[in-house]
Amino acid sequence: MKTLSDSKNLHDLRSIPRNRRSAKPALPTTAILNLYMARNERDRLVKERIRLFKRKIQIDRRLQEIEGEMDEALKNNQKLAKEMRGKPLKEPEDKKSKGGKLSSMILGY
């Protein structure tokens, strides 16, 4: 199943390789401008990579916390279920005196 992040969007257009060809004749100053633009793009990509790396670390930490919480909740629920199953049902006092056997039914919702 495709999600929104799997579909092509504007961010994919930035990753298209560029030839930077032009019909205009190359001027001596365009080399400096091209170098400046390439350096700016490189710096932007380095910053974005660092930001994504930090975000990945945050996501991994949160996933570990959630898994720990889920494990703890599962242990607590299993412990509670064992306690509920292990408890003998207490007969009411009036039934005990009559000597009748108490039948019980547990409803699970």
PDB file of N, CA and C in Angstrom:
ATOM      1  N   MET A   1       0.838  -1.164   0.000  1.00  0.00           N
ATOM      2  CA  MET A   1       0.000   0.000   0.000  1.00  0.00           C
ATOM      3  C   MET A   1       0.895   1.245   0.000  1.00  0.00           C
ATOM      4  N   LYS A   2       0.627   2.145  -0.912  1.00  0.00           N
ATOM      5  CA  LYS A   2       1.422   3.366  -1.004  1.00  0.00           C
ATOM      6  C   LYS A   2       0.876   4.405  -0.046  1.00  0.00           C
ATOM      7  N   THR A   3       1.784   5.124   0.550  1.00  0.00           N
ATOM      8  CA  THR A   3       1.387   6.230   1.405  1.00  0.00           C
ATOM      9  C   THR A   3       1.747   7.530   0.720  1.00  0.00           C
ATOM     10  N   LEU A   4       1.410   8.620   1.362  1.00  0.00           N
ATOM     11  CA  LEU A   4       1.703   9.927   0.786  1.00  0.00           C
ATOM     12  C   LEU A   4       3.196  10.146   0.630  1.00  0.00           C
ATOM     13  N   SER A   5       3.982   9.619   1.564  1.00  0.00           N
ATOM     14  CA  SER A   5       5.433   9.813   1.483  1.00  0.00           C
ATOM     15  C   SER A   5       6.062   9.001   0.360  1.00  0.00           C
ATOM     16  N   ASP A   6       5.360   7.946  -0.113  1.00  0.00           N
ATOM     17  CA  ASP A   6       5.895   7.139  -1.215  1.00  0.00           C
ATOM     18  C   ASP A   6       5.653   7.786  -2.573  1.00  0.00           C
ATOM     19  N   SER A   7       4.700   8.680  -2.655  1.00  0.00           N
ATOM     20  CA  SER A   7       4.384   9.283  -3.941  1.00  0.00           C
ATOM     21  C   SER A   7       5.419  10.345  -4.300  1.00  0.00           C
ATOM     22  N   LYS A   8       5.509  10.613  -5.573  1.00  0.00           N
ATOM     23  CA  LYS A   8       6.462  11.614  -6.036  1.00  0.00           C
ATOM     24  C   LYS A   8       5.927  12.996  -5.684  1.00  0.00           C
ATOM     25  N   ASN A   9       6.819  13.851  -5.271  1.00  0.00           N
ATOM     26  CA  ASN A   9       6.408  15.199  -4.895  1.00  0.00           C
ATOM     27  C   ASN A   9       7.505  16.185  -5.250  1.00  0.00           C
ATOM     28  N   LEU A  10       7.393  17.372  -4.760  1.00  0.00           N
ATOM     29  CA  LEU A  10       8.337  18.431  -5.080  1.00  0.00           C
ATOM     30  C   LEU A  10       9.753  18.099  -4.644  1.00  0.00           C
ATOM     31  N   HIS A  11       9.911  17.379  -3.526  1.00  0.00           N
ATOM     32  CA  HIS A  11      11.244  17.045  -3.036  1.00  0.00           C
ATOM     33  C   HIS A  11      11.980  16.109  -3.999  1.00  0.00           C
ATOM     34  N   ASP A  12      11.230  15.296  -4.745  1.00  0.00           N
ATOM     35  CA  ASP A  12      11.866  14.417  -5.715  1.00  0.00           C
ATOM     36  C   ASP A  12      12.440  15.211  -6.885  1.00  0.00           C
ATOM     37  N   LEU A  13      11.858  16.357  -7.184  1.00  0.00           N
ATOM     38  CA  LEU A  13      12.359  17.172  -8.295  1.00  0.00           C
ATOM     39  C   LEU A  13      13.751  17.716  -7.993  1.00  0.00           C
ATOM     40  N   ARG A  14      14.026  17.946  -6.713  1.00  0.00           N
ATOM     41  CA  ARG A  14      15.343  18.469  -6.355  1.00  0.00           C
ATOM     42  C   ARG A  14      16.434  17.426  -6.534  1.00  0.00           C
ATOM     43  N   SER A  15      16.067  16.168  -6.507  1.00  0.00           N
ATOM     44  CA  SER A  15      17.077  15.123  -6.607  1.00  0.00           C
ATOM     45  C   SER A  15      17.398  14.744  -8.051  1.00  0.00           C
ATOM     46  N   ILE A  16      16.734  15.369  -9.010  1.00  0.00           N
ATOM     47  CA  ILE A  16      17.009  15.085 -10.417  1.00  0.00           C
ATOM     48  C   ILE A  16      18.383  15.638 -10.768  1.00  0.00           C
ATOM     49  N   PRO A  17      19.237  14.841 -11.400  1.00  0.00           N
ATOM     50  CA  PRO A  17      20.558  15.361 -11.786  1.00  0.00           C
ATOM     51  C   PRO A  17      20.418  16.513 -12.778  1.00  0.00           C
ATOM     52  N   ARG A  18      21.219  17.495 -12.584  1.00  0.00           N
ATOM     53  CA  ARG A  18      21.152  18.684 -13.434  1.00  0.00           C
ATOM     54  C   ARG A  18      22.420  18.784 -14.271  1.00  0.00           C
ATOM     55  N   ASN A  19      22.238  19.074 -15.544  1.00  0.00           N
ATOM     56  CA  ASN A  19      23.391  19.242 -16.428  1.00  0.00           C
ATOM     57  C   ASN A  19      23.829  20.698 -16.478  1.00  0.00           C
ATOM     58  N   ARG A  20      22.936  21.589 -16.137  1.00  0.00           N
ATOM     59  CA  ARG A  20      23.198  23.026 -16.143  1.00  0.00           C
ATOM     60  C   ARG A  20      23.742  23.494 -17.505  1.00  0.00           C
ATOM     61  N   ARG A  21      23.114  23.039 -18.543  1.00  0.00           N
ATOM     62  CA  ARG A  21      23.504  23.470 -19.885  1.00  0.00           C
ATOM     63  C   ARG A  21      22.666  24.664 -20.286  1.00  0.00           C
ATOM     64  N   SER A  22      23.274  25.513 -21.021  1.00  0.00           N
ATOM     65  CA  SER A  22      22.587  26.712 -21.466  1.00  0.00           C
ATOM     66  C   SER A  22      23.021  27.025 -22.894  1.00  0.00           C
ATOM     67  N   ALA A  23      22.122  27.683 -23.621  1.00  0.00           N
ATOM     68  CA  ALA A  23      22.441  28.082 -25.001  1.00  0.00           C
ATOM     69  C   ALA A  23      23.314  29.328 -25.021  1.00  0.00           C
ATOM     70  N   LYS A  24      23.374  30.030 -23.907  1.00  0.00           N
ATOM     71  CA  LYS A  24      24.193  31.238 -23.849  1.00  0.00           C
ATOM     72  C   LYS A  24      25.674  30.862 -23.819  1.00  0.00           C
ATOM     73  N   PRO A  25      26.508  31.680 -24.390  1.00  0.00           N
ATOM     74  CA  PRO A  25      27.942  31.397 -24.285  1.00  0.00           C
ATOM     75  C   PRO A  25      28.414  31.568 -22.837  1.00  0.00           C
ATOM     76  N   ALA A  26      29.347  30.737 -22.447  1.00  0.00           N
ATOM     77  CA  ALA A  26      29.845  30.788 -21.070  1.00  0.00           C
ATOM     78  C   ALA A  26      30.728  32.016 -20.885  1.00  0.00           C
ATOM     79  N   LEU A  27      30.421  32.785 -19.859  1.00  0.00           N
ATOM     80  CA  LEU A  27      31.217  33.960 -19.532  1.00  0.00           C
ATOM     81  C   LEU A  27      32.222  33.575 -18.455  1.00  0.00           C
ATOM     82  N   PRO A  28      33.304  34.310 -18.321  1.00  0.00           N
ATOM     83  CA  PRO A  28      34.281  33.974 -17.283  1.00  0.00           C
ATOM     84  C   PRO A  28      33.702  34.076 -15.874  1.00  0.00           C
ATOM     85  N   THR A  29      32.727  34.954 -15.683  1.00  0.00           N
ATOM     86  CA  THR A  29      32.162  35.124 -14.339  1.00  0.00           C
ATOM     87  C   THR A  29      31.161  34.027 -13.987  1.00  0.00           C
ATOM     88  N   THR A  30      30.646  33.307 -14.998  1.00  0.00           N
ATOM     89  CA  THR A  30      29.667  32.264 -14.694  1.00  0.00           C
ATOM     90  C   THR A  30      30.303  31.104 -13.943  1.00  0.00           C
ATOM     91  N   ALA A  31      31.584  30.865 -14.131  1.00  0.00           N
ATOM     92  CA  ALA A  31      32.241  29.785 -13.404  1.00  0.00           C
ATOM     93  C   ALA A  31      32.228  30.082 -11.910  1.00  0.00           C
ATOM     94  N   ILE A  32      32.454  31.333 -11.543  1.00  0.00           N
ATOM     95  CA  ILE A  32      32.430  31.715 -10.126  1.00  0.00           C
ATOM     96  C   ILE A  32      31.012  31.601  -9.577  1.00  0.00           C
ATOM     97  N   LEU A  33      30.042  32.044 -10.379  1.00  0.00           N
ATOM     98  CA  LEU A  33      28.652  31.942  -9.954  1.00  0.00           C
ATOM     99  C   LEU A  33      28.233  30.479  -9.792  1.00  0.00           C
ATOM    100  N   ASN A  34      28.630  29.641 -10.738  1.00  0.00           N
ATOM    101  CA  ASN A  34      28.309  28.209 -10.638  1.00  0.00           C
ATOM    102  C   ASN A  34      28.965  27.582  -9.409  1.00  0.00           C
ATOM    103  N   LEU A  35      30.188  27.972  -9.132  1.00  0.00           N
ATOM    104  CA  LEU A  35      30.880  27.463  -7.947  1.00  0.00           C
ATOM    105  C   LEU A  35      30.158  27.907  -6.678  1.00  0.00           C
ATOM    106  N   TYR A  36      29.735  29.143  -6.637  1.00  0.00           N
ATOM    107  CA  TYR A  36      28.998  29.681  -5.487  1.00  0.00           C
ATOM    108  C   TYR A  36      27.676  28.929  -5.287  1.00  0.00           C
ATOM    109  N   MET A  37      26.937  28.717  -6.377  1.00  0.00           N
ATOM    110  CA  MET A  37      25.656  28.017  -6.289  1.00  0.00           C
ATOM    111  C   MET A  37      25.845  26.558  -5.867  1.00  0.00           C
ATOM    112  N   ALA A  38      26.875  25.915  -6.389  1.00  0.00           N
ATOM    113  CA  ALA A  38      27.142  24.528  -6.015  1.00  0.00           C
ATOM    114  C   ALA A  38      27.525  24.420  -4.540  1.00  0.00           C
ATOM    115  N   ARG A  39      28.318  25.375  -4.055  1.00  0.00           N
ATOM    116  CA  ARG A  39      28.714  25.363  -2.645  1.00  0.00           C
ATOM    117  C   ARG A  39      27.505  25.575  -1.739  1.00  0.00           C
ATOM    118  N   ASN A  40      26.620  26.487  -2.134  1.00  0.00           N
ATOM    119  CA  ASN A  40      25.409  26.715  -1.340  1.00  0.00           C
ATOM    120  C   ASN A  40      24.531  25.472  -1.289  1.00  0.00           C
ATOM    121  N   GLU A  41      24.384  24.816  -2.414  1.00  0.00           N
ATOM    122  CA  GLU A  41      23.573  23.594  -2.445  1.00  0.00           C
ATOM    123  C   GLU A  41      24.214  22.496  -1.608  1.00  0.00           C
ATOM    124  N   ARG A  42      25.537  22.373  -1.694  1.00  0.00           N
ATOM    125  CA  ARG A  42      26.243  21.372  -0.881  1.00  0.00           C
ATOM    126  C   ARG A  42      26.057  21.650   0.606  1.00  0.00           C
ATOM    127  N   ASP A  43      26.206  22.903   1.004  1.00  0.00           N
ATOM    128  CA  ASP A  43      26.029  23.265   2.416  1.00  0.00           C
ATOM    129  C   ASP A  43      24.609  22.961   2.892  1.00  0.00           C
ATOM    130  N   ARG A  44      23.631  23.261   2.050  1.00  0.00           N
ATOM    131  CA  ARG A  44      22.245  22.986   2.397  1.00  0.00           C
ATOM    132  C   ARG A  44      22.015  21.489   2.578  1.00  0.00           C
ATOM    133  N   LEU A  45      22.567  20.696   1.689  1.00  0.00           N
ATOM    134  CA  LEU A  45      22.398  19.243   1.773  1.00  0.00           C
ATOM    135  C   LEU A  45      23.104  18.655   2.993  1.00  0.00           C
ATOM    136  N   VAL A  46      24.271  19.198   3.333  1.00  0.00           N
ATOM    137  CA  VAL A  46      24.982  18.727   4.531  1.00  0.00           C
ATOM    138  C   VAL A  46      24.160  19.028   5.775  1.00  0.00           C
ATOM    139  N   LYS A  47      23.602  20.232   5.853  1.00  0.00           N
ATOM    140  CA  LYS A  47      22.765  20.593   6.998  1.00  0.00           C
ATOM    141  C   LYS A  47      21.528  19.704   7.076  1.00  0.00           C
ATOM    142  N   GLU A  48      20.926  19.436   5.922  1.00  0.00           N
ATOM    143  CA  GLU A  48      19.740  18.581   5.897  1.00  0.00           C
ATOM    144  C   GLU A  48      20.081  17.162   6.333  1.00  0.00           C
ATOM    145  N   ARG A  49      21.239  16.650   5.908  1.00  0.00           N
ATOM    146  CA  ARG A  49      21.661  15.305   6.313  1.00  0.00           C
ATOM    147  C   ARG A  49      21.874  15.239   7.819  1.00  0.00           C
ATOM    148  N   ILE A  50      22.475  16.269   8.404  1.00  0.00           N
ATOM    149  CA  ILE A  50      22.688  16.303   9.854  1.00  0.00           C
ATOM    150  C   ILE A  50      21.347  16.347  10.581  1.00  0.00           C
ATOM    151  N   ARG A  51      20.436  17.159  10.073  1.00  0.00           N
ATOM    152  CA  ARG A  51      19.111  17.269  10.687  1.00  0.00           C
ATOM    153  C   ARG A  51      18.369  15.936  10.623  1.00  0.00           C
ATOM    154  N   LEU A  52      18.448  15.256   9.483  1.00  0.00           N
ATOM    155  CA  LEU A  52      17.790  13.958   9.341  1.00  0.00           C
ATOM    156  C   LEU A  52      18.429  12.902  10.230  1.00  0.00           C
ATOM    157  N   PHE A  53      19.742  12.968  10.400  1.00  0.00           N
ATOM    158  CA  PHE A  53      20.435  12.029  11.280  1.00  0.00           C
ATOM    159  C   PHE A  53      19.966  12.207  12.721  1.00  0.00           C
ATOM    160  N   LYS A  54      19.865  13.475  13.160  1.00  0.00           N
ATOM    161  CA  LYS A  54      19.381  13.743  14.521  1.00  0.00           C
ATOM    162  C   LYS A  54      17.936  13.280  14.684  1.00  0.00           C
ATOM    163  N   ARG A  55      17.124  13.509  13.676  1.00  0.00           N
ATOM    164  CA  ARG A  55      15.722  13.084  13.735  1.00  0.00           C
ATOM    165  C   ARG A  55      15.621  11.569  13.810  1.00  0.00           C
ATOM    166  N   LYS A  56      16.485  10.875  13.069  1.00  0.00           N
ATOM    167  CA  LYS A  56      16.490   9.411  13.101  1.00  0.00           C
ATOM    168  C   LYS A  56      16.837   8.907  14.501  1.00  0.00           C
ATOM    169  N   ILE A  57      17.792   9.549  15.148  1.00  0.00           N
ATOM    170  CA  ILE A  57      18.176   9.164  16.508  1.00  0.00           C
ATOM    171  C   ILE A  57      16.989   9.369  17.455  1.00  0.00           C
ATOM    172  N   GLN A  58      16.290  10.508  17.319  1.00  0.00           N
ATOM    173  CA  GLN A  58      15.124  10.772  18.164  1.00  0.00           C
ATOM    174  C   GLN A  58      14.041   9.717  17.952  1.00  0.00           C
ATOM    175  N   ILE A  59      13.798   9.363  16.709  1.00  0.00           N
ATOM    176  CA  ILE A  59      12.775   8.369  16.389  1.00  0.00           C
ATOM    177  C   ILE A  59      13.159   7.015  16.962  1.00  0.00           C
ATOM    178  N   ASP A  60      14.420   6.622  16.827  1.00  0.00           N
ATOM    179  CA  ASP A  60      14.869   5.339  17.366  1.00  0.00           C
ATOM    180  C   ASP A  60      14.720   5.285  18.883  1.00  0.00           C
ATOM    181  N   ARG A  61      15.068   6.383  19.569  1.00  0.00           N
ATOM    182  CA  ARG A  61      14.903   6.432  21.032  1.00  0.00           C
ATOM    183  C   ARG A  61      13.445   6.287  21.423  1.00  0.00           C
ATOM    184  N   ARG A  62      12.578   7.001  20.716  1.00  0.00           N
ATOM    185  CA  ARG A  62      11.152   6.935  21.045  1.00  0.00           C
ATOM    186  C   ARG A  62      10.592   5.545  20.787  1.00  0.00           C
ATOM    187  N   LEU A  63      11.033   4.907  19.717  1.00  0.00           N
ATOM    188  CA  LEU A  63      10.582   3.546  19.431  1.00  0.00           C
ATOM    189  C   LEU A  63      11.012   2.586  20.542  1.00  0.00           C
ATOM    190  N   GLN A  64      12.228   2.751  21.053  1.00  0.00           N
ATOM    191  CA  GLN A  64      12.690   1.914  22.158  1.00  0.00           C
ATOM    192  C   GLN A  64      11.855   2.158  23.410  1.00  0.00           C
ATOM    193  N   GLU A  65      11.526   3.427  23.689  1.00  0.00           N
ATOM    194  CA  GLU A  65      10.687   3.741  24.847  1.00  0.00           C
ATOM    195  C   GLU A  65       9.310   3.099  24.707  1.00  0.00           C
ATOM    196  N   ILE A  66       8.735   3.188  23.518  1.00  0.00           N
ATOM    197  CA  ILE A  66       7.410   2.620  23.288  1.00  0.00           C
ATOM    198  C   ILE A  66       7.447   1.111  23.446  1.00  0.00           C
ATOM    199  N   GLU A  67       8.480   0.461  22.913  1.00  0.00           N
ATOM    200  CA  GLU A  67       8.587  -0.986  23.062  1.00  0.00           C
ATOM    201  C   GLU A  67       8.725  -1.379  24.528  1.00  0.00           C
ATOM    202  N   GLY A  68       9.480  -0.598  25.303  1.00  0.00           N
ATOM    203  CA  GLY A  68       9.601  -0.861  26.734  1.00  0.00           C
ATOM    204  C   GLY A  68       8.268  -0.706  27.447  1.00  0.00           C
ATOM    205  N   GLU A  69       7.533   0.354  27.096  1.00  0.00           N
ATOM    206  CA  GLU A  69       6.211   0.568  27.684  1.00  0.00           C
ATOM    207  C   GLU A  69       5.262  -0.568  27.320  1.00  0.00           C
ATOM    208  N   MET A  70       5.328  -1.019  26.070  1.00  0.00           N
ATOM    209  CA  MET A  70       4.465  -2.117  25.638  1.00  0.00           C
ATOM    210  C   MET A  70       4.814  -3.407  26.378  1.00  0.00           C
ATOM    211  N   ASP A  71       6.097  -3.678  26.546  1.00  0.00           N
ATOM    212  CA  ASP A  71       6.516  -4.874  27.287  1.00  0.00           C
ATOM    213  C   ASP A  71       6.037  -4.813  28.729  1.00  0.00           C
ATOM    214  N   GLU A  72       6.173  -3.651  29.348  1.00  0.00           N
ATOM    215  CA  GLU A  72       5.736  -3.479  30.741  1.00  0.00           C
ATOM    216  C   GLU A  72       4.221  -3.654  30.857  1.00  0.00           C
ATOM    217  N   ALA A  73       3.473  -3.068  29.915  1.00  0.00           N
ATOM    218  CA  ALA A  73       2.024  -3.200  29.938  1.00  0.00           C
ATOM    219  C   ALA A  73       1.609  -4.651  29.730  1.00  0.00           C
ATOM    220  N   LEU A  74       2.293  -5.352  28.848  1.00  0.00           N
ATOM    221  CA  LEU A  74       1.980  -6.761  28.602  1.00  0.00           C
ATOM    222  C   LEU A  74       2.240  -7.593  29.848  1.00  0.00           C
ATOM    223  N   LYS A  75       3.361  -7.339  30.528  1.00  0.00           N
ATOM    224  CA  LYS A  75       3.665  -8.068  31.761  1.00  0.00           C
ATOM    225  C   LYS A  75       2.602  -7.806  32.819  1.00  0.00           C
ATOM    226  N   ASN A  76       2.219  -6.532  32.959  1.00  0.00           N
ATOM    227  CA  ASN A  76       1.198  -6.190  33.947  1.00  0.00           C
ATOM    228  C   ASN A  76      -0.136  -6.851  33.625  1.00  0.00           C
ATOM    229  N   ASN A  77      -0.513  -6.847  32.355  1.00  0.00           N
ATOM    230  CA  ASN A  77      -1.776  -7.467  31.966  1.00  0.00           C
ATOM    231  C   ASN A  77      -1.744  -8.977  32.166  1.00  0.00           C
ATOM    232  N   GLN A  78      -0.619  -9.610  31.855  1.00  0.00           N
ATOM    233  CA  GLN A  78      -0.504 -11.052  32.072  1.00  0.00           C
ATOM    234  C   GLN A  78      -0.565 -11.381  33.561  1.00  0.00           C
ATOM    235  N   LYS A  79       0.090 -10.557  34.368  1.00  0.00           N
ATOM    236  CA  LYS A  79       0.068 -10.764  35.819  1.00  0.00           C
ATOM    237  C   LYS A  79      -1.352 -10.610  36.357  1.00  0.00           C
ATOM    238  N   LEU A  80      -2.054  -9.596  35.889  1.00  0.00           N
ATOM    239  CA  LEU A  80      -3.429  -9.362  36.319  1.00  0.00           C
ATOM    240  C   LEU A  80      -4.339 -10.512  35.889  1.00  0.00           C
ATOM    241  N   ALA A  81      -4.139 -10.994  34.674  1.00  0.00           N
ATOM    242  CA  ALA A  81      -4.956 -12.110  34.182  1.00  0.00           C
ATOM    243  C   ALA A  81      -4.709 -13.366  35.012  1.00  0.00           C
ATOM    244  N   LYS A  82      -3.456 -13.624  35.377  1.00  0.00           N
ATOM    245  CA  LYS A  82      -3.148 -14.788  36.208  1.00  0.00           C
ATOM    246  C   LYS A  82      -3.800 -14.658  37.579  1.00  0.00           C
ATOM    247  N   GLU A  83      -3.749 -13.443  38.129  1.00  0.00           N
ATOM    248  CA  GLU A  83      -4.378 -13.225  39.433  1.00  0.00           C
ATOM    249  C   GLU A  83      -5.885 -13.430  39.349  1.00  0.00           C
ATOM    250  N   MET A  84      -6.489 -12.946  38.285  1.00  0.00           N
ATOM    251  CA  MET A  84      -7.938 -13.086  38.151  1.00  0.00           C
ATOM    252  C   MET A  84      -8.336 -14.540  37.958  1.00  0.00           C
ATOM    253  N   ARG A  85      -7.547 -15.293  37.188  1.00  0.00           N
ATOM    254  CA  ARG A  85      -7.848 -16.700  36.969  1.00  0.00           C
ATOM    255  C   ARG A  85      -7.571 -17.543  38.207  1.00  0.00           C
ATOM    256  N   GLY A  86      -6.570 -17.136  38.982  1.00  0.00           N
ATOM    257  CA  GLY A  86      -6.146 -17.935  40.122  1.00  0.00           C
ATOM    258  C   GLY A  86      -6.980 -17.737  41.369  1.00  0.00           C
ATOM    259  N   LYS A  87      -7.785 -16.695  41.444  1.00  0.00           N
ATOM    260  CA  LYS A  87      -8.578 -16.421  42.635  1.00  0.00           C
ATOM    261  C   LYS A  87      -9.739 -17.403  42.717  1.00  0.00           C
ATOM    262  N   PRO A  88      -9.887 -18.088  43.842  1.00  0.00           N
ATOM    263  CA  PRO A  88     -11.074 -18.937  43.996  1.00  0.00           C
ATOM    264  C   PRO A  88     -12.285 -18.043  44.280  1.00  0.00           C
ATOM    265  N   LEU A  89     -13.387 -18.433  43.717  1.00  0.00           N
ATOM    266  CA  LEU A  89     -14.598 -17.647  43.940  1.00  0.00           C
ATOM    267  C   LEU A  89     -15.095 -17.896  45.357  1.00  0.00           C
ATOM    268  N   LYS A  90     -15.448 -16.855  46.057  1.00  0.00           N
ATOM    269  CA  LYS A  90     -15.952 -16.974  47.418  1.00  0.00           C
ATOM    270  C   LYS A  90     -17.461 -17.174  47.356  1.00  0.00           C
ATOM    271  N   GLU A  91     -17.920 -18.134  48.104  1.00  0.00           N
ATOM    272  CA  GLU A  91     -19.350 -18.374  48.157  1.00  0.00           C
ATOM    273  C   GLU A  91     -19.979 -17.408  49.146  1.00  0.00           C
ATOM    274  N   PRO A  92     -21.134 -16.907  48.831  1.00  0.00           N
ATOM    275  CA  PRO A  92     -21.828 -16.054  49.788  1.00  0.00           C
ATOM    276  C   PRO A  92     -22.169 -16.840  51.048  1.00  0.00           C
ATOM    277  N   GLU A  93     -22.293 -16.141  52.175  1.00  0.00           N
ATOM    278  CA  GLU A  93     -22.544 -16.782  53.468  1.00  0.00           C
ATOM    279  C   GLU A  93     -23.858 -17.538  53.491  1.00  0.00           C
ATOM    280  N   ASP A  94     -24.899 -17.000  52.830  1.00  0.00           N
ATOM    281  CA  ASP A  94     -26.192 -17.674  52.880  1.00  0.00           C
ATOM    282  C   ASP A  94     -26.176 -18.981  52.092  1.00  0.00           C
ATOM    283  N   LYS A  95     -25.394 -19.063  51.054  1.00  0.00           N
ATOM    284  CA  LYS A  95     -25.286 -20.306  50.286  1.00  0.00           C
ATOM    285  C   LYS A  95     -24.506 -21.355  51.062  1.00  0.00           C
ATOM    286  N   LYS A  96     -23.468 -20.919  51.802  1.00  0.00           N
ATOM    287  CA  LYS A  96     -22.662 -21.859  52.568  1.00  0.00           C
ATOM    288  C   LYS A  96     -23.504 -22.545  53.641  1.00  0.00           C
ATOM    289  N   SER A  97     -24.374 -21.800  54.283  1.00  0.00           N
ATOM    290  CA  SER A  97     -25.171 -22.360  55.362  1.00  0.00           C
ATOM    291  C   SER A  97     -26.196 -23.361  54.846  1.00  0.00           C
ATOM    292  N   LYS A  98     -26.700 -23.182  53.627  1.00  0.00           N
ATOM    293  CA  LYS A  98     -27.683 -24.105  53.077  1.00  0.00           C
ATOM    294  C   LYS A  98     -27.035 -25.360  52.527  1.00  0.00           C
ATOM    295  N   GLY A  99     -25.728 -25.308  52.326  1.00  0.00           N
ATOM    296  CA  GLY A  99     -25.038 -26.478  51.810  1.00  0.00           C
ATOM    297  C   GLY A  99     -25.145 -26.628  50.310  1.00  0.00           C
ATOM    298  N   GLY A 100     -25.750 -25.692  49.634  1.00  0.00           N
ATOM    299  CA  GLY A 100     -25.863 -25.759  48.187  1.00  0.00           C
ATOM    300  C   GLY A 100     -24.556 -25.361  47.514  1.00  0.00           C
ATOM    301  N   LYS A 101     -24.359 -25.890  46.332  1.00  0.00           N
ATOM    302  CA  LYS A 101     -23.129 -25.576  45.590  1.00  0.00           C
ATOM    303  C   LYS A 101     -23.381 -24.341  44.721  1.00  0.00           C
ATOM    304  N   LEU A 102     -22.444 -23.424  44.770  1.00  0.00           N
ATOM    305  CA  LEU A 102     -22.570 -22.182  44.009  1.00  0.00           C
ATOM    306  C   LEU A 102     -22.019 -22.401  42.608  1.00  0.00           C
ATOM    307  N   SER A 103     -22.812 -22.116  41.625  1.00  0.00           N
ATOM    308  CA  SER A 103     -22.314 -22.181  40.247  1.00  0.00           C
ATOM    309  C   SER A 103     -22.121 -20.758  39.767  1.00  0.00           C
ATOM    310  N   SER A 104     -21.037 -20.529  39.091  1.00  0.00           N
ATOM    311  CA  SER A 104     -20.751 -19.172  38.647  1.00  0.00           C
ATOM    312  C   SER A 104     -20.417 -19.173  37.175  1.00  0.00           C
ATOM    313  N   MET A 105     -20.642 -18.053  36.570  1.00  0.00           N
ATOM    314  CA  MET A 105     -20.316 -17.886  35.165  1.00  0.00           C
ATOM    315  C   MET A 105     -19.583 -16.558  35.017  1.00  0.00           C
ATOM    316  N   ILE A 106     -18.448 -16.593  34.336  1.00  0.00           N
ATOM    317  CA  ILE A 106     -17.663 -15.377  34.126  1.00  0.00           C
ATOM    318  C   ILE A 106     -17.927 -14.874  32.717  1.00  0.00           C
ATOM    319  N   LEU A 107     -18.323 -13.618  32.639  1.00  0.00           N
ATOM    320  CA  LEU A 107     -18.576 -13.007  31.352  1.00  0.00           C
ATOM    321  C   LEU A 107     -17.399 -12.159  30.955  1.00  0.00           C
ATOM    322  N   GLY A 108     -16.874 -12.363  29.787  1.00  0.00           N
ATOM    323  CA  GLY A 108     -15.776 -11.549  29.289  1.00  0.00           C
ATOM    324  C   GLY A 108     -16.274 -10.639  28.184  1.00  0.00           C
ATOM    325  N   TYR A 109     -15.999  -9.367  28.321  1.00  0.00           N
ATOM    326  CA  TYR A 109     -16.419  -8.399  27.311  1.00  0.00           C
ATOM    327  C   TYR A 109     -15.241  -7.920  26.547  1.00  0.00           C
TER     328      TYR A 109
END
